[in-house]
């Protein structure tokens, strides 16, 4: 029997103190390609910005489309 290793990918929420991963509650625990991890997070209502990735619980905090006007 041969054992092999490969890097696997998932997205972690960048909100301080949040440990949620994009794969939490999903059918897979990781993806073999980085793009698939990003696609999975996007399909799970994560907010993907240039400066970070935010889970569905924190996805509206930096989204200008969800901010109320004063």
PDB file of N, CA and C in Angstrom:
ATOM      1  N   UNK A   1       0.843  -1.173   0.000  1.00  0.00           N
ATOM      2  CA  UNK A   1       0.000   0.000   0.000  1.00  0.00           C
ATOM      3  C   UNK A   1       0.888   1.235   0.000  1.00  0.00           C
ATOM      4  N   UNK A   2       0.504   2.213  -0.802  1.00  0.00           N
ATOM      5  CA  UNK A   2       1.226   3.483  -0.850  1.00  0.00           C
ATOM      6  C   UNK A   2       0.371   4.574  -0.223  1.00  0.00           C
ATOM      7  N   UNK A   3       1.011   5.442   0.517  1.00  0.00           N
ATOM      8  CA  UNK A   3       0.329   6.591   1.103  1.00  0.00           C
ATOM      9  C   UNK A   3       0.909   7.839   0.468  1.00  0.00           C
ATOM     10  N   UNK A   4       0.020   8.710   0.017  1.00  0.00           N
ATOM     11  CA  UNK A   4       0.463   9.955  -0.598  1.00  0.00           C
ATOM     12  C   UNK A   4      -0.196  11.127   0.110  1.00  0.00           C
ATOM     13  N   UNK A   5       0.438  12.271  -0.002  1.00  0.00           N
ATOM     14  CA  UNK A   5      -0.073  13.486   0.609  1.00  0.00           C
ATOM     15  C   UNK A   5      -0.222  14.562  -0.458  1.00  0.00           C
ATOM     16  N   UNK A   6      -1.164  15.422  -0.251  1.00  0.00           N
ATOM     17  CA  UNK A   6      -1.384  16.516  -1.181  1.00  0.00           C
ATOM     18  C   UNK A   6      -1.951  17.696  -0.395  1.00  0.00           C
ATOM     19  N   UNK A   7      -1.611  18.905  -0.775  1.00  0.00           N
ATOM     20  CA  UNK A   7      -2.243  20.044  -0.095  1.00  0.00           C
ATOM     21  C   UNK A   7      -3.746  20.078  -0.394  1.00  0.00           C
ATOM     22  N   UNK A   8      -4.519  20.427   0.601  1.00  0.00           N
ATOM     23  CA  UNK A   8      -5.955  20.591   0.442  1.00  0.00           C
ATOM     24  C   UNK A   8      -6.338  21.983   0.914  1.00  0.00           C
ATOM     25  N   UNK A   9      -7.492  22.464   0.449  1.00  0.00           N
ATOM     26  CA  UNK A   9      -7.856  23.853   0.668  1.00  0.00           C
ATOM     27  C   UNK A   9      -9.263  23.991   1.230  1.00  0.00           C
ATOM     28  N   UNK A  10      -9.440  25.003   2.063  1.00  0.00           N
ATOM     29  CA  UNK A  10     -10.734  25.449   2.541  1.00  0.00           C
ATOM     30  C   UNK A  10     -10.547  26.917   2.901  1.00  0.00           C
ATOM     31  N   UNK A  11     -11.635  27.627   3.057  1.00  0.00           N
ATOM     32  CA  UNK A  11     -11.576  29.050   3.380  1.00  0.00           C
ATOM     33  C   UNK A  11     -11.920  29.216   4.854  1.00  0.00           C
ATOM     34  N   UNK A  12     -11.167  30.073   5.552  1.00  0.00           N
ATOM     35  CA  UNK A  12     -11.395  30.363   6.962  1.00  0.00           C
ATOM     36  C   UNK A  12     -11.845  31.815   7.080  1.00  0.00           C
ATOM     37  N   UNK A  13     -12.852  32.063   7.907  1.00  0.00           N
ATOM     38  CA  UNK A  13     -13.371  33.416   8.101  1.00  0.00           C
ATOM     39  C   UNK A  13     -12.288  34.309   8.694  1.00  0.00           C
ATOM     40  N   UNK A  14     -12.163  35.525   8.140  1.00  0.00           N
ATOM     41  CA  UNK A  14     -11.149  36.477   8.604  1.00  0.00           C
ATOM     42  C   UNK A  14     -11.648  37.390   9.715  1.00  0.00           C
ATOM     43  N   UNK A  15     -12.886  37.202  10.158  1.00  0.00           N
ATOM     44  CA  UNK A  15     -13.394  37.985  11.286  1.00  0.00           C
ATOM     45  C   UNK A  15     -12.639  37.555  12.542  1.00  0.00           C
ATOM     46  N   UNK A  16     -12.052  38.520  13.281  1.00  0.00           N
ATOM     47  CA  UNK A  16     -11.316  38.149  14.494  1.00  0.00           C
ATOM     48  C   UNK A  16     -12.185  37.329  15.451  1.00  0.00           C
ATOM     49  N   UNK A  17     -11.654  36.226  15.915  1.00  0.00           N
ATOM     50  CA  UNK A  17     -12.346  35.367  16.853  1.00  0.00           C
ATOM     51  C   UNK A  17     -13.251  34.316  16.220  1.00  0.00           C
ATOM     52  N   UNK A  18     -13.531  34.440  14.939  1.00  0.00           N
ATOM     53  CA  UNK A  18     -14.383  33.460  14.258  1.00  0.00           C
ATOM     54  C   UNK A  18     -13.500  32.336  13.708  1.00  0.00           C
ATOM     55  N   UNK A  19     -13.883  31.113  13.973  1.00  0.00           N
ATOM     56  CA  UNK A  19     -13.110  29.959  13.521  1.00  0.00           C
ATOM     57  C   UNK A  19     -13.855  29.153  12.466  1.00  0.00           C
ATOM     58  N   UNK A  20     -14.906  29.752  11.881  1.00  0.00           N
ATOM     59  CA  UNK A  20     -15.726  29.038  10.905  1.00  0.00           C
ATOM     60  C   UNK A  20     -14.933  28.789   9.625  1.00  0.00           C
ATOM     61  N   UNK A  21     -15.092  27.568   9.083  1.00  0.00           N
ATOM     62  CA  UNK A  21     -14.482  27.194   7.804  1.00  0.00           C
ATOM     63  C   UNK A  21     -15.590  27.067   6.766  1.00  0.00           C
ATOM     64  N   UNK A  22     -15.243  27.298   5.524  1.00  0.00           N
ATOM     65  CA  UNK A  22     -16.219  27.232   4.443  1.00  0.00           C
ATOM     66  C   UNK A  22     -16.811  25.836   4.287  1.00  0.00           C
ATOM     67  N   UNK A  23     -16.123  24.840   4.767  1.00  0.00           N
ATOM     68  CA  UNK A  23     -16.587  23.459   4.620  1.00  0.00           C
ATOM     69  C   UNK A  23     -17.459  22.994   5.782  1.00  0.00           C
ATOM     70  N   UNK A  24     -17.611  23.823   6.830  1.00  0.00           N
ATOM     71  CA  UNK A  24     -18.431  23.434   7.984  1.00  0.00           C
ATOM     72  C   UNK A  24     -19.855  23.127   7.527  1.00  0.00           C
ATOM     73  N   UNK A  25     -20.333  21.956   7.896  1.00  0.00           N
ATOM     74  CA  UNK A  25     -21.691  21.559   7.557  1.00  0.00           C
ATOM     75  C   UNK A  25     -21.875  21.087   6.129  1.00  0.00           C
ATOM     76  N   UNK A  26     -20.803  21.042   5.359  1.00  0.00           N
ATOM     77  CA  UNK A  26     -20.907  20.629   3.964  1.00  0.00           C
ATOM     78  C   UNK A  26     -20.616  19.156   3.763  1.00  0.00           C
ATOM     79  N   UNK A  27     -20.680  18.742   2.525  1.00  0.00           N
ATOM     80  CA  UNK A  27     -20.406  17.348   2.186  1.00  0.00           C
ATOM     81  C   UNK A  27     -18.911  17.029   2.157  1.00  0.00           C
ATOM     82  N   UNK A  28     -18.069  18.061   2.036  1.00  0.00           N
ATOM     83  CA  UNK A  28     -16.624  17.854   1.922  1.00  0.00           C
ATOM     84  C   UNK A  28     -15.907  18.614   3.028  1.00  0.00           C
ATOM     85  N   UNK A  29     -14.761  18.113   3.447  1.00  0.00           N
ATOM     86  CA  UNK A  29     -13.983  18.793   4.474  1.00  0.00           C
ATOM     87  C   UNK A  29     -12.870  19.634   3.875  1.00  0.00           C
ATOM     88  N   UNK A  30     -12.548  19.403   2.601  1.00  0.00           N
ATOM     89  CA  UNK A  30     -11.493  20.162   1.925  1.00  0.00           C
ATOM     90  C   UNK A  30     -11.595  19.922   0.425  1.00  0.00           C
ATOM     91  N   UNK A  31     -10.919  20.775  -0.323  1.00  0.00           N
ATOM     92  CA  UNK A  31     -10.907  20.686  -1.783  1.00  0.00           C
ATOM     93  C   UNK A  31      -9.481  20.502  -2.265  1.00  0.00           C
ATOM     94  N   UNK A  32      -9.301  19.813  -3.364  1.00  0.00           N
ATOM     95  CA  UNK A  32      -7.961  19.567  -3.891  1.00  0.00           C
ATOM     96  C   UNK A  32      -7.433  20.750  -4.702  1.00  0.00           C
ATOM     97  N   UNK A  33      -8.325  21.694  -5.037  1.00  0.00           N
ATOM     98  CA  UNK A  33      -7.898  22.878  -5.783  1.00  0.00           C
ATOM     99  C   UNK A  33      -8.388  24.141  -5.079  1.00  0.00           C
ATOM    100  N   UNK A  34      -7.544  25.144  -5.029  1.00  0.00           N
ATOM    101  CA  UNK A  34      -7.857  26.398  -4.347  1.00  0.00           C
ATOM    102  C   UNK A  34      -9.123  27.046  -4.915  1.00  0.00           C
ATOM    103  N   UNK A  35      -9.274  27.033  -6.236  1.00  0.00           N
ATOM    104  CA  UNK A  35     -10.451  27.630  -6.871  1.00  0.00           C
ATOM    105  C   UNK A  35     -11.743  26.966  -6.411  1.00  0.00           C
ATOM    106  N   UNK A  36     -11.709  25.665  -6.174  1.00  0.00           N
ATOM    107  CA  UNK A  36     -12.909  24.962  -5.720  1.00  0.00           C
ATOM    108  C   UNK A  36     -13.282  25.391  -4.305  1.00  0.00           C
ATOM    109  N   UNK A  37     -12.295  25.636  -3.466  1.00  0.00           N
ATOM    110  CA  UNK A  37     -12.567  26.122  -2.110  1.00  0.00           C
ATOM    111  C   UNK A  37     -13.213  27.500  -2.162  1.00  0.00           C
ATOM    112  N   UNK A  38     -12.717  28.374  -3.034  1.00  0.00           N
ATOM    113  CA  UNK A  38     -13.302  29.707  -3.174  1.00  0.00           C
ATOM    114  C   UNK A  38     -14.712  29.636  -3.750  1.00  0.00           C
ATOM    115  N   UNK A  39     -14.932  28.773  -4.719  1.00  0.00           N
ATOM    116  CA  UNK A  39     -16.267  28.594  -5.297  1.00  0.00           C
ATOM    117  C   UNK A  39     -17.246  28.069  -4.244  1.00  0.00           C
ATOM    118  N   UNK A  40     -16.796  27.145  -3.412  1.00  0.00           N
ATOM    119  CA  UNK A  40     -17.631  26.596  -2.358  1.00  0.00           C
ATOM    120  C   UNK A  40     -18.021  27.677  -1.358  1.00  0.00           C
ATOM    121  N   UNK A  41     -17.069  28.505  -0.963  1.00  0.00           N
ATOM    122  CA  UNK A  41     -17.365  29.603  -0.029  1.00  0.00           C
ATOM    123  C   UNK A  41     -18.353  30.576  -0.652  1.00  0.00           C
ATOM    124  N   UNK A  42     -18.162  30.906  -1.919  1.00  0.00           N
ATOM    125  CA  UNK A  42     -19.063  31.827  -2.610  1.00  0.00           C
ATOM    126  C   UNK A  42     -20.477  31.249  -2.678  1.00  0.00           C
ATOM    127  N   UNK A  43     -20.599  29.978  -2.954  1.00  0.00           N
ATOM    128  CA  UNK A  43     -21.907  29.318  -3.029  1.00  0.00           C
ATOM    129  C   UNK A  43     -22.561  29.198  -1.656  1.00  0.00           C
ATOM    130  N   UNK A  44     -21.762  29.305  -0.594  1.00  0.00           N
ATOM    131  CA  UNK A  44     -22.279  29.207   0.772  1.00  0.00           C
ATOM    132  C   UNK A  44     -22.526  30.585   1.377  1.00  0.00           C
ATOM    133  N   UNK A  45     -22.668  31.587   0.536  1.00  0.00           N
ATOM    134  CA  UNK A  45     -22.976  32.956   0.946  1.00  0.00           C
ATOM    135  C   UNK A  45     -21.862  33.614   1.759  1.00  0.00           C
ATOM    136  N   UNK A  46     -20.635  33.233   1.490  1.00  0.00           N
ATOM    137  CA  UNK A  46     -19.509  33.930   2.096  1.00  0.00           C
ATOM    138  C   UNK A  46     -19.228  35.175   1.279  1.00  0.00           C
ATOM    139  N   UNK A  47     -18.698  36.205   1.933  1.00  0.00           N
ATOM    140  CA  UNK A  47     -18.296  37.423   1.253  1.00  0.00           C
ATOM    141  C   UNK A  47     -16.793  37.342   1.017  1.00  0.00           C
ATOM    142  N   UNK A  48     -16.396  37.448  -0.239  1.00  0.00           N
ATOM    143  CA  UNK A  48     -14.981  37.369  -0.590  1.00  0.00           C
ATOM    144  C   UNK A  48     -14.556  38.740  -1.076  1.00  0.00           C
ATOM    145  N   UNK A  49     -13.689  39.387  -0.298  1.00  0.00           N
ATOM    146  CA  UNK A  49     -13.184  40.719  -0.619  1.00  0.00           C
ATOM    147  C   UNK A  49     -11.686  40.638  -0.857  1.00  0.00           C
ATOM    148  N   UNK A  50     -11.120  41.706  -1.390  1.00  0.00           N
ATOM    149  CA  UNK A  50      -9.673  41.738  -1.611  1.00  0.00           C
ATOM    150  C   UNK A  50      -8.901  41.548  -0.309  1.00  0.00           C
ATOM    151  N   UNK A  51      -9.467  42.024   0.805  1.00  0.00           N
ATOM    152  CA  UNK A  51      -8.740  41.966   2.072  1.00  0.00           C
ATOM    153  C   UNK A  51      -9.140  40.788   2.951  1.00  0.00           C
ATOM    154  N   UNK A  52     -10.040  39.932   2.494  1.00  0.00           N
ATOM    155  CA  UNK A  52     -10.384  38.788   3.328  1.00  0.00           C
ATOM    156  C   UNK A  52     -11.625  38.046   2.884  1.00  0.00           C
ATOM    157  N   UNK A  53     -11.954  37.037   3.676  1.00  0.00           N
ATOM    158  CA  UNK A  53     -13.104  36.170   3.430  1.00  0.00           C
ATOM    159  C   UNK A  53     -13.937  36.153   4.705  1.00  0.00           C
ATOM    160  N   UNK A  54     -15.256  36.330   4.552  1.00  0.00           N
ATOM    161  CA  UNK A  54     -16.120  36.422   5.715  1.00  0.00           C
ATOM    162  C   UNK A  54     -17.277  35.431   5.590  1.00  0.00           C
ATOM    163  N   UNK A  55     -17.502  34.645   6.652  1.00  0.00           N
ATOM    164  CA  UNK A  55     -18.566  33.652   6.648  1.00  0.00           C
ATOM    165  C   UNK A  55     -19.924  34.342   6.568  1.00  0.00           C
ATOM    166  N   UNK A  56     -20.960  33.542   6.383  1.00  0.00           N
ATOM    167  CA  UNK A  56     -22.306  34.089   6.227  1.00  0.00           C
ATOM    168  C   UNK A  56     -22.725  34.934   7.422  1.00  0.00           C
ATOM    169  N   UNK A  57     -22.209  34.634   8.617  1.00  0.00           N
ATOM    170  CA  UNK A  57     -22.564  35.410   9.806  1.00  0.00           C
ATOM    171  C   UNK A  57     -21.947  36.812   9.769  1.00  0.00           C
ATOM    172  N   UNK A  58     -20.795  36.941   9.139  1.00  0.00           N
ATOM    173  CA  UNK A  58     -20.090  38.217   9.084  1.00  0.00           C
ATOM    174  C   UNK A  58     -20.047  38.804   7.674  1.00  0.00           C
ATOM    175  N   UNK A  59     -20.770  38.222   6.750  1.00  0.00           N
ATOM    176  CA  UNK A  59     -20.646  38.612   5.342  1.00  0.00           C
ATOM    177  C   UNK A  59     -21.245  39.966   5.006  1.00  0.00           C
ATOM    178  N   UNK A  60     -22.082  40.532   5.856  1.00  0.00           N
ATOM    179  CA  UNK A  60     -22.700  41.813   5.524  1.00  0.00           C
ATOM    180  C   UNK A  60     -21.943  42.999   6.103  1.00  0.00           C
ATOM    181  N   UNK A  61     -20.987  42.783   6.980  1.00  0.00           N
ATOM    182  CA  UNK A  61     -20.352  43.902   7.673  1.00  0.00           C
ATOM    183  C   UNK A  61     -19.576  44.837   6.760  1.00  0.00           C
ATOM    184  N   UNK A  62     -18.961  44.342   5.701  1.00  0.00           N
ATOM    185  CA  UNK A  62     -18.171  45.177   4.810  1.00  0.00           C
ATOM    186  C   UNK A  62     -18.773  45.267   3.409  1.00  0.00           C
ATOM    187  N   UNK A  63     -20.004  44.809   3.256  1.00  0.00           N
ATOM    188  CA  UNK A  63     -20.639  44.812   1.942  1.00  0.00           C
ATOM    189  C   UNK A  63     -21.415  46.109   1.755  1.00  0.00           C
ATOM    190  N   UNK A  64     -20.976  47.002   0.854  1.00  0.00           N
ATOM    191  CA  UNK A  64     -21.648  48.290   0.672  1.00  0.00           C
ATOM    192  C   UNK A  64     -23.110  48.132   0.249  1.00  0.00           C
ATOM    193  N   UNK A  65     -23.471  47.023  -0.371  1.00  0.00           N
ATOM    194  CA  UNK A  65     -24.853  46.818  -0.805  1.00  0.00           C
ATOM    195  C   UNK A  65     -25.801  46.565   0.374  1.00  0.00           C
ATOM    196  N   UNK A  66     -25.261  46.219   1.542  1.00  0.00           N
ATOM    197  CA  UNK A  66     -26.104  45.911   2.692  1.00  0.00           C
ATOM    198  C   UNK A  66     -26.041  46.996   3.757  1.00  0.00           C
ATOM    199  N   UNK A  67     -25.291  48.048   3.531  1.00  0.00           N
ATOM    200  CA  UNK A  67     -25.159  49.118   4.511  1.00  0.00           C
ATOM    201  C   UNK A  67     -26.337  50.086   4.385  1.00  0.00           C
ATOM    202  N   UNK A  68     -26.858  50.497   5.545  1.00  0.00           N
ATOM    203  CA  UNK A  68     -27.954  51.451   5.549  1.00  0.00           C
ATOM    204  C   UNK A  68     -27.407  52.847   5.339  1.00  0.00           C
ATOM    205  N   UNK A  69     -28.167  53.653   4.623  1.00  0.00           N
ATOM    206  CA  UNK A  69     -27.769  55.043   4.411  1.00  0.00           C
ATOM    207  C   UNK A  69     -28.254  55.871   5.579  1.00  0.00           C
ATOM    208  N   UNK A  70     -27.441  56.873   5.968  1.00  0.00           N
ATOM    209  CA  UNK A  70     -27.850  57.716   7.090  1.00  0.00           C
ATOM    210  C   UNK A  70     -28.405  59.027   6.623  1.00  0.00           C
TER     211      UNK A  70
END
